[in-house]
Amino acid sequence: MQITIKNKSKIIIDEFIYTYLPNYIRELFSISVDNKRLSEFDKMFDIDSKMILFKALRNLLITKNGKNEFNIKINDIITVDNHNIGYYINLITYGNREIKGYPIIKIIFQHVADDINIIYKEWENGY
């Protein structure tokens, strides 16, 4: 999962991307996550799925490609219980034969990608 943001303006948006957007993503997760859905994963796999997702969102990998493009993605070098965090993100997102996936991270990333101009305007206006 990755968000790619292309800055087509001459405005420097580094502070927005590196500072505001990760906080916005974590806040959006906090207010929209369904704890009941996550508890199903916790019981089935003996994990703390909310902690895993929060850890992934606290350690987002943000890279700048040239002057005008940024990528935001889950940092796959993070581990939880001797597994790459991506393993758990995929398990929660897509599920398996026993449990339906809960694509909360995918939904949030898609929302940010779709509404990046609105999010930027809110940040610019101090909301």
N, C-alpha and C. Protein backbone atom coordinates (compact mmCIF):
# COMPACT_ATOMS: atom_id res chain seq x y z
N MET A 1 0.84 -1.17 0.00
CA MET A 1 0.00 0.00 0.00
C MET A 1 0.88 1.23 0.00
N GLN A 2 0.50 2.15 -0.85
CA GLN A 2 1.31 3.34 -0.99
C GLN A 2 0.44 4.49 -1.48
N ILE A 3 0.76 5.67 -1.01
CA ILE A 3 0.15 6.89 -1.51
C ILE A 3 1.23 7.61 -2.31
N THR A 4 0.91 8.01 -3.51
CA THR A 4 1.83 8.82 -4.31
C THR A 4 1.18 10.18 -4.49
N ILE A 5 1.93 11.22 -4.11
CA ILE A 5 1.43 12.58 -4.20
C ILE A 5 2.33 13.34 -5.17
N LYS A 6 1.72 13.87 -6.21
CA LYS A 6 2.45 14.66 -7.20
C LYS A 6 2.08 16.12 -7.00
N ASN A 7 3.08 16.92 -6.74
CA ASN A 7 2.89 18.35 -6.53
C ASN A 7 3.06 19.05 -7.87
N LYS A 8 1.96 19.50 -8.44
CA LYS A 8 2.02 20.15 -9.75
C LYS A 8 2.18 21.66 -9.64
N SER A 9 2.17 22.18 -8.42
CA SER A 9 2.33 23.62 -8.22
C SER A 9 3.79 23.92 -7.89
N LYS A 10 4.09 25.18 -7.78
CA LYS A 10 5.44 25.60 -7.41
C LYS A 10 5.57 25.79 -5.90
N ILE A 11 4.50 25.49 -5.17
CA ILE A 11 4.50 25.63 -3.71
C ILE A 11 5.30 24.47 -3.11
N ILE A 12 6.13 24.79 -2.14
CA ILE A 12 6.89 23.76 -1.43
C ILE A 12 5.98 23.16 -0.36
N ILE A 13 5.74 21.86 -0.46
CA ILE A 13 4.78 21.21 0.45
C ILE A 13 5.45 20.22 1.41
N ASP A 14 6.76 20.28 1.53
CA ASP A 14 7.48 19.33 2.36
C ASP A 14 6.97 19.27 3.80
N GLU A 15 6.76 20.43 4.42
CA GLU A 15 6.28 20.45 5.80
C GLU A 15 4.92 19.77 5.92
N PHE A 16 4.05 20.05 4.97
CA PHE A 16 2.73 19.41 4.94
C PHE A 16 2.87 17.90 4.85
N ILE A 17 3.71 17.42 3.96
CA ILE A 17 3.87 15.98 3.72
C ILE A 17 4.53 15.30 4.91
N TYR A 18 5.63 15.85 5.41
CA TYR A 18 6.41 15.17 6.45
C TYR A 18 5.84 15.34 7.86
N THR A 19 5.15 16.44 8.09
CA THR A 19 4.68 16.72 9.45
C THR A 19 3.17 16.53 9.60
N TYR A 20 2.42 17.22 8.80
CA TYR A 20 0.96 17.21 8.97
C TYR A 20 0.32 15.90 8.52
N LEU A 21 0.67 15.44 7.35
CA LEU A 21 -0.02 14.29 6.77
C LEU A 21 0.09 13.01 7.60
N PRO A 22 1.26 12.66 8.14
CA PRO A 22 1.30 11.47 9.00
C PRO A 22 0.39 11.59 10.22
N ASN A 23 0.35 12.77 10.82
CA ASN A 23 -0.56 12.99 11.96
C ASN A 23 -2.01 12.90 11.53
N TYR A 24 -2.31 13.44 10.37
CA TYR A 24 -3.67 13.38 9.83
C TYR A 24 -4.09 11.92 9.62
N ILE A 25 -3.21 11.12 9.06
CA ILE A 25 -3.49 9.71 8.80
C ILE A 25 -3.75 8.97 10.11
N ARG A 26 -2.91 9.20 11.12
CA ARG A 26 -3.11 8.54 12.42
C ARG A 26 -4.42 8.98 13.08
N GLU A 27 -4.73 10.26 12.99
CA GLU A 27 -5.97 10.77 13.57
C GLU A 27 -7.18 10.18 12.85
N LEU A 28 -7.11 10.10 11.54
CA LEU A 28 -8.20 9.51 10.77
C LEU A 28 -8.39 8.04 11.15
N PHE A 29 -7.30 7.34 11.36
CA PHE A 29 -7.38 5.96 11.81
C PHE A 29 -8.08 5.89 13.17
N SER A 30 -7.67 6.74 14.09
CA SER A 30 -8.23 6.73 15.45
C SER A 30 -9.73 6.94 15.47
N ILE A 31 -10.21 7.83 14.62
CA ILE A 31 -11.64 8.13 14.66
C ILE A 31 -12.48 7.20 13.79
N SER A 32 -11.86 6.45 12.90
CA SER A 32 -12.66 5.63 12.00
C SER A 32 -12.50 4.12 12.19
N VAL A 33 -11.55 3.69 13.00
CA VAL A 33 -11.32 2.26 13.18
C VAL A 33 -12.49 1.62 13.93
N ASP A 34 -12.83 0.42 13.52
CA ASP A 34 -13.88 -0.36 14.18
C ASP A 34 -13.19 -1.38 15.09
N ASN A 35 -13.13 -1.07 16.36
CA ASN A 35 -12.44 -1.94 17.31
C ASN A 35 -13.03 -3.34 17.38
N LYS A 36 -14.33 -3.43 17.15
CA LYS A 36 -14.98 -4.74 17.17
C LYS A 36 -14.44 -5.62 16.04
N ARG A 37 -14.27 -5.03 14.86
CA ARG A 37 -13.71 -5.79 13.74
C ARG A 37 -12.28 -6.25 14.05
N LEU A 38 -11.50 -5.36 14.66
CA LEU A 38 -10.12 -5.73 14.99
C LEU A 38 -10.07 -6.81 16.06
N SER A 39 -11.01 -6.81 16.97
CA SER A 39 -11.01 -7.82 18.03
C SER A 39 -11.16 -9.23 17.48
N GLU A 40 -11.81 -9.35 16.33
CA GLU A 40 -11.92 -10.66 15.69
C GLU A 40 -10.53 -11.20 15.30
N PHE A 41 -9.68 -10.32 14.80
CA PHE A 41 -8.31 -10.71 14.44
C PHE A 41 -7.50 -11.03 15.70
N ASP A 42 -7.72 -10.23 16.74
CA ASP A 42 -7.01 -10.44 18.00
C ASP A 42 -7.29 -11.83 18.56
N LYS A 43 -8.56 -12.21 18.54
CA LYS A 43 -8.95 -13.52 19.08
C LYS A 43 -8.43 -14.66 18.20
N MET A 44 -8.57 -14.52 16.91
CA MET A 44 -8.21 -15.60 16.01
C MET A 44 -6.69 -15.83 15.93
N PHE A 45 -5.91 -14.74 15.97
CA PHE A 45 -4.47 -14.86 15.76
C PHE A 45 -3.63 -14.53 16.98
N ASP A 46 -4.29 -14.24 18.09
CA ASP A 46 -3.61 -13.89 19.34
C ASP A 46 -2.62 -12.74 19.11
N ILE A 47 -3.15 -11.64 18.57
CA ILE A 47 -2.36 -10.45 18.30
C ILE A 47 -3.08 -9.23 18.86
N ASP A 48 -2.39 -8.11 18.88
CA ASP A 48 -3.01 -6.83 19.21
C ASP A 48 -3.03 -6.03 17.91
N SER A 49 -4.07 -6.25 17.13
CA SER A 49 -4.13 -5.68 15.79
C SER A 49 -4.14 -4.15 15.79
N LYS A 50 -4.80 -3.54 16.75
CA LYS A 50 -4.81 -2.07 16.79
C LYS A 50 -3.41 -1.53 17.05
N MET A 51 -2.67 -2.16 17.96
CA MET A 51 -1.29 -1.76 18.23
C MET A 51 -0.44 -1.93 16.98
N ILE A 52 -0.63 -3.02 16.26
CA ILE A 52 0.14 -3.28 15.05
C ILE A 52 -0.14 -2.21 14.00
N LEU A 53 -1.41 -1.89 13.79
CA LEU A 53 -1.75 -0.88 12.81
C LEU A 53 -1.24 0.50 13.22
N PHE A 54 -1.35 0.81 14.51
CA PHE A 54 -0.82 2.09 15.00
C PHE A 54 0.70 2.15 14.83
N LYS A 55 1.37 1.05 15.12
CA LYS A 55 2.82 1.01 14.95
C LYS A 55 3.20 1.24 13.49
N ALA A 56 2.45 0.64 12.60
CA ALA A 56 2.70 0.84 11.17
C ALA A 56 2.50 2.30 10.78
N LEU A 57 1.46 2.92 11.31
CA LEU A 57 1.17 4.32 10.97
C LEU A 57 2.12 5.30 11.65
N ARG A 58 2.69 4.92 12.78
CA ARG A 58 3.69 5.78 13.45
C ARG A 58 5.04 5.73 12.75
N ASN A 59 5.25 4.71 11.94
CA ASN A 59 6.54 4.52 11.29
C ASN A 59 6.42 4.53 9.77
N LEU A 60 5.56 5.39 9.24
CA LEU A 60 5.40 5.47 7.80
C LEU A 60 6.71 5.87 7.14
N LEU A 61 6.96 5.31 5.99
CA LEU A 61 8.15 5.64 5.20
C LEU A 61 7.73 6.67 4.17
N ILE A 62 8.31 7.87 4.28
CA ILE A 62 7.99 8.95 3.36
C ILE A 62 9.24 9.26 2.56
N THR A 63 9.12 9.17 1.25
CA THR A 63 10.26 9.45 0.38
C THR A 63 9.88 10.52 -0.63
N LYS A 64 10.87 11.31 -0.98
CA LYS A 64 10.66 12.36 -1.98
C LYS A 64 11.41 11.95 -3.23
N ASN A 65 10.70 11.93 -4.34
CA ASN A 65 11.30 11.57 -5.62
C ASN A 65 11.39 12.83 -6.47
N GLY A 66 12.58 13.36 -6.58
CA GLY A 66 12.74 14.62 -7.30
C GLY A 66 12.14 15.76 -6.51
N LYS A 67 11.69 16.79 -7.21
CA LYS A 67 11.12 17.96 -6.55
C LYS A 67 9.62 17.87 -6.34
N ASN A 68 8.96 17.03 -7.12
CA ASN A 68 7.51 17.13 -7.19
C ASN A 68 6.73 15.88 -6.80
N GLU A 69 7.36 14.84 -6.32
CA GLU A 69 6.62 13.62 -6.02
C GLU A 69 7.04 13.05 -4.67
N PHE A 70 6.03 12.63 -3.92
CA PHE A 70 6.26 12.02 -2.61
C PHE A 70 5.55 10.67 -2.58
N ASN A 71 6.16 9.70 -1.92
CA ASN A 71 5.53 8.40 -1.68
C ASN A 71 5.43 8.18 -0.18
N ILE A 72 4.28 7.72 0.25
CA ILE A 72 4.05 7.39 1.66
C ILE A 72 3.60 5.94 1.69
N LYS A 73 4.33 5.12 2.46
CA LYS A 73 3.96 3.71 2.53
C LYS A 73 4.34 3.12 3.88
N ILE A 74 3.86 1.91 4.10
CA ILE A 74 4.18 1.18 5.32
C ILE A 74 5.66 0.79 5.26
N ASN A 75 6.36 1.02 6.34
CA ASN A 75 7.78 0.69 6.41
C ASN A 75 7.94 -0.80 6.74
N ASP A 76 8.28 -1.58 5.74
CA ASP A 76 8.33 -3.04 5.89
C ASP A 76 9.49 -3.56 6.73
N ILE A 77 10.42 -2.71 7.14
CA ILE A 77 11.50 -3.23 7.97
C ILE A 77 11.09 -3.32 9.44
N ILE A 78 9.94 -2.75 9.79
CA ILE A 78 9.43 -2.84 11.15
C ILE A 78 8.95 -4.27 11.38
N THR A 79 9.27 -4.80 12.56
CA THR A 79 8.84 -6.16 12.88
C THR A 79 7.98 -6.18 14.13
N VAL A 80 7.12 -7.18 14.19
CA VAL A 80 6.27 -7.45 15.35
C VAL A 80 6.30 -8.95 15.55
N ASP A 81 6.72 -9.39 16.73
CA ASP A 81 6.76 -10.82 17.05
C ASP A 81 7.48 -11.64 15.97
N ASN A 82 8.64 -11.18 15.57
CA ASN A 82 9.49 -11.87 14.58
C ASN A 82 8.88 -11.96 13.19
N HIS A 83 7.86 -11.17 12.92
CA HIS A 83 7.28 -11.10 11.58
C HIS A 83 7.40 -9.67 11.07
N ASN A 84 7.61 -9.54 9.80
CA ASN A 84 7.58 -8.24 9.15
C ASN A 84 6.18 -7.65 9.35
N ILE A 85 6.09 -6.37 9.64
CA ILE A 85 4.79 -5.76 9.91
C ILE A 85 3.86 -5.87 8.70
N GLY A 86 4.44 -5.92 7.51
CA GLY A 86 3.64 -6.09 6.30
C GLY A 86 2.84 -7.38 6.31
N TYR A 87 3.36 -8.41 6.94
CA TYR A 87 2.64 -9.68 7.07
C TYR A 87 1.32 -9.46 7.80
N TYR A 88 1.38 -8.73 8.92
CA TYR A 88 0.17 -8.47 9.70
C TYR A 88 -0.77 -7.50 8.99
N ILE A 89 -0.21 -6.49 8.34
CA ILE A 89 -1.04 -5.53 7.60
C ILE A 89 -1.83 -6.27 6.52
N ASN A 90 -1.15 -7.15 5.79
CA ASN A 90 -1.83 -7.93 4.75
C ASN A 90 -2.88 -8.86 5.35
N LEU A 91 -2.55 -9.48 6.46
CA LEU A 91 -3.49 -10.39 7.12
C LEU A 91 -4.76 -9.64 7.53
N ILE A 92 -4.59 -8.48 8.14
CA ILE A 92 -5.73 -7.69 8.58
C ILE A 92 -6.49 -7.11 7.37
N THR A 93 -5.78 -6.65 6.38
CA THR A 93 -6.40 -6.03 5.22
C THR A 93 -7.18 -7.02 4.37
N TYR A 94 -6.59 -8.17 4.11
CA TYR A 94 -7.19 -9.12 3.17
C TYR A 94 -7.81 -10.35 3.84
N GLY A 95 -7.46 -10.59 5.10
CA GLY A 95 -7.98 -11.76 5.79
C GLY A 95 -7.44 -13.05 5.22
N ASN A 96 -8.15 -14.13 5.50
CA ASN A 96 -7.78 -15.44 4.95
C ASN A 96 -9.07 -16.25 4.79
N ARG A 97 -8.96 -17.54 4.67
CA ARG A 97 -10.16 -18.36 4.47
C ARG A 97 -11.07 -18.38 5.69
N GLU A 98 -10.52 -18.06 6.84
CA GLU A 98 -11.29 -18.13 8.08
C GLU A 98 -11.90 -16.80 8.51
N ILE A 99 -11.34 -15.71 8.05
CA ILE A 99 -11.80 -14.39 8.49
C ILE A 99 -11.73 -13.39 7.34
N LYS A 100 -12.78 -12.61 7.21
CA LYS A 100 -12.84 -11.60 6.17
C LYS A 100 -11.91 -10.45 6.53
N GLY A 101 -11.23 -9.92 5.53
CA GLY A 101 -10.30 -8.82 5.76
C GLY A 101 -11.00 -7.53 6.18
N TYR A 102 -10.22 -6.67 6.80
CA TYR A 102 -10.68 -5.35 7.22
C TYR A 102 -9.69 -4.34 6.67
N PRO A 103 -9.98 -3.75 5.50
CA PRO A 103 -9.00 -2.91 4.80
C PRO A 103 -8.94 -1.46 5.28
N ILE A 104 -8.91 -1.24 6.58
CA ILE A 104 -8.93 0.12 7.13
C ILE A 104 -7.75 0.96 6.64
N ILE A 105 -6.55 0.40 6.58
CA ILE A 105 -5.39 1.17 6.11
C ILE A 105 -5.55 1.50 4.64
N LYS A 106 -5.99 0.56 3.87
CA LYS A 106 -6.22 0.77 2.43
C LYS A 106 -7.26 1.86 2.22
N ILE A 107 -8.33 1.84 2.99
CA ILE A 107 -9.39 2.84 2.90
C ILE A 107 -8.85 4.23 3.24
N ILE A 108 -8.07 4.32 4.30
CA ILE A 108 -7.50 5.61 4.72
C ILE A 108 -6.54 6.13 3.66
N PHE A 109 -5.65 5.28 3.16
CA PHE A 109 -4.72 5.69 2.12
C PHE A 109 -5.47 6.18 0.88
N GLN A 110 -6.53 5.48 0.51
CA GLN A 110 -7.31 5.88 -0.67
C GLN A 110 -7.98 7.23 -0.43
N HIS A 111 -8.51 7.42 0.78
CA HIS A 111 -9.13 8.71 1.12
C HIS A 111 -8.12 9.84 1.00
N VAL A 112 -6.93 9.64 1.54
CA VAL A 112 -5.90 10.68 1.47
C VAL A 112 -5.52 10.95 0.02
N ALA A 113 -5.34 9.91 -0.76
CA ALA A 113 -4.98 10.09 -2.18
C ALA A 113 -6.09 10.85 -2.93
N ASP A 114 -7.33 10.48 -2.67
CA ASP A 114 -8.46 11.11 -3.37
C ASP A 114 -8.68 12.56 -2.95
N ASP A 115 -8.45 12.87 -1.68
CA ASP A 115 -8.78 14.19 -1.13
C ASP A 115 -7.57 15.01 -0.74
N ILE A 116 -6.43 14.73 -1.33
CA ILE A 116 -5.20 15.42 -0.91
C ILE A 116 -5.30 16.94 -1.08
N ASN A 117 -5.95 17.42 -2.11
CA ASN A 117 -6.08 18.86 -2.31
C ASN A 117 -6.93 19.50 -1.21
N ILE A 118 -8.00 18.83 -0.81
CA ILE A 118 -8.86 19.33 0.27
C ILE A 118 -8.09 19.31 1.59
N ILE A 119 -7.38 18.23 1.85
CA ILE A 119 -6.59 18.11 3.09
C ILE A 119 -5.54 19.21 3.14
N TYR A 120 -4.88 19.47 2.02
CA TYR A 120 -3.87 20.53 1.96
C TYR A 120 -4.50 21.89 2.24
N LYS A 121 -5.65 22.18 1.63
CA LYS A 121 -6.31 23.46 1.85
C LYS A 121 -6.70 23.64 3.33
N GLU A 122 -7.17 22.56 3.96
CA GLU A 122 -7.51 22.63 5.39
C GLU A 122 -6.27 22.95 6.21
N TRP A 123 -5.15 22.30 5.88
CA TRP A 123 -3.90 22.56 6.59
C TRP A 123 -3.44 24.00 6.37
N GLU A 124 -3.53 24.42 5.13
CA GLU A 124 -3.10 25.78 4.77
C GLU A 124 -3.93 26.83 5.51
N ASN A 125 -5.20 26.52 5.72
CA ASN A 125 -6.10 27.46 6.41
C ASN A 125 -6.12 27.27 7.91
N GLY A 126 -5.31 26.35 8.43
CA GLY A 126 -5.17 26.19 9.87
C GLY A 126 -6.23 25.34 10.55
N TYR A 127 -6.90 24.47 9.82
CA TYR A 127 -7.92 23.62 10.43
C TYR A 127 -7.32 22.43 11.11
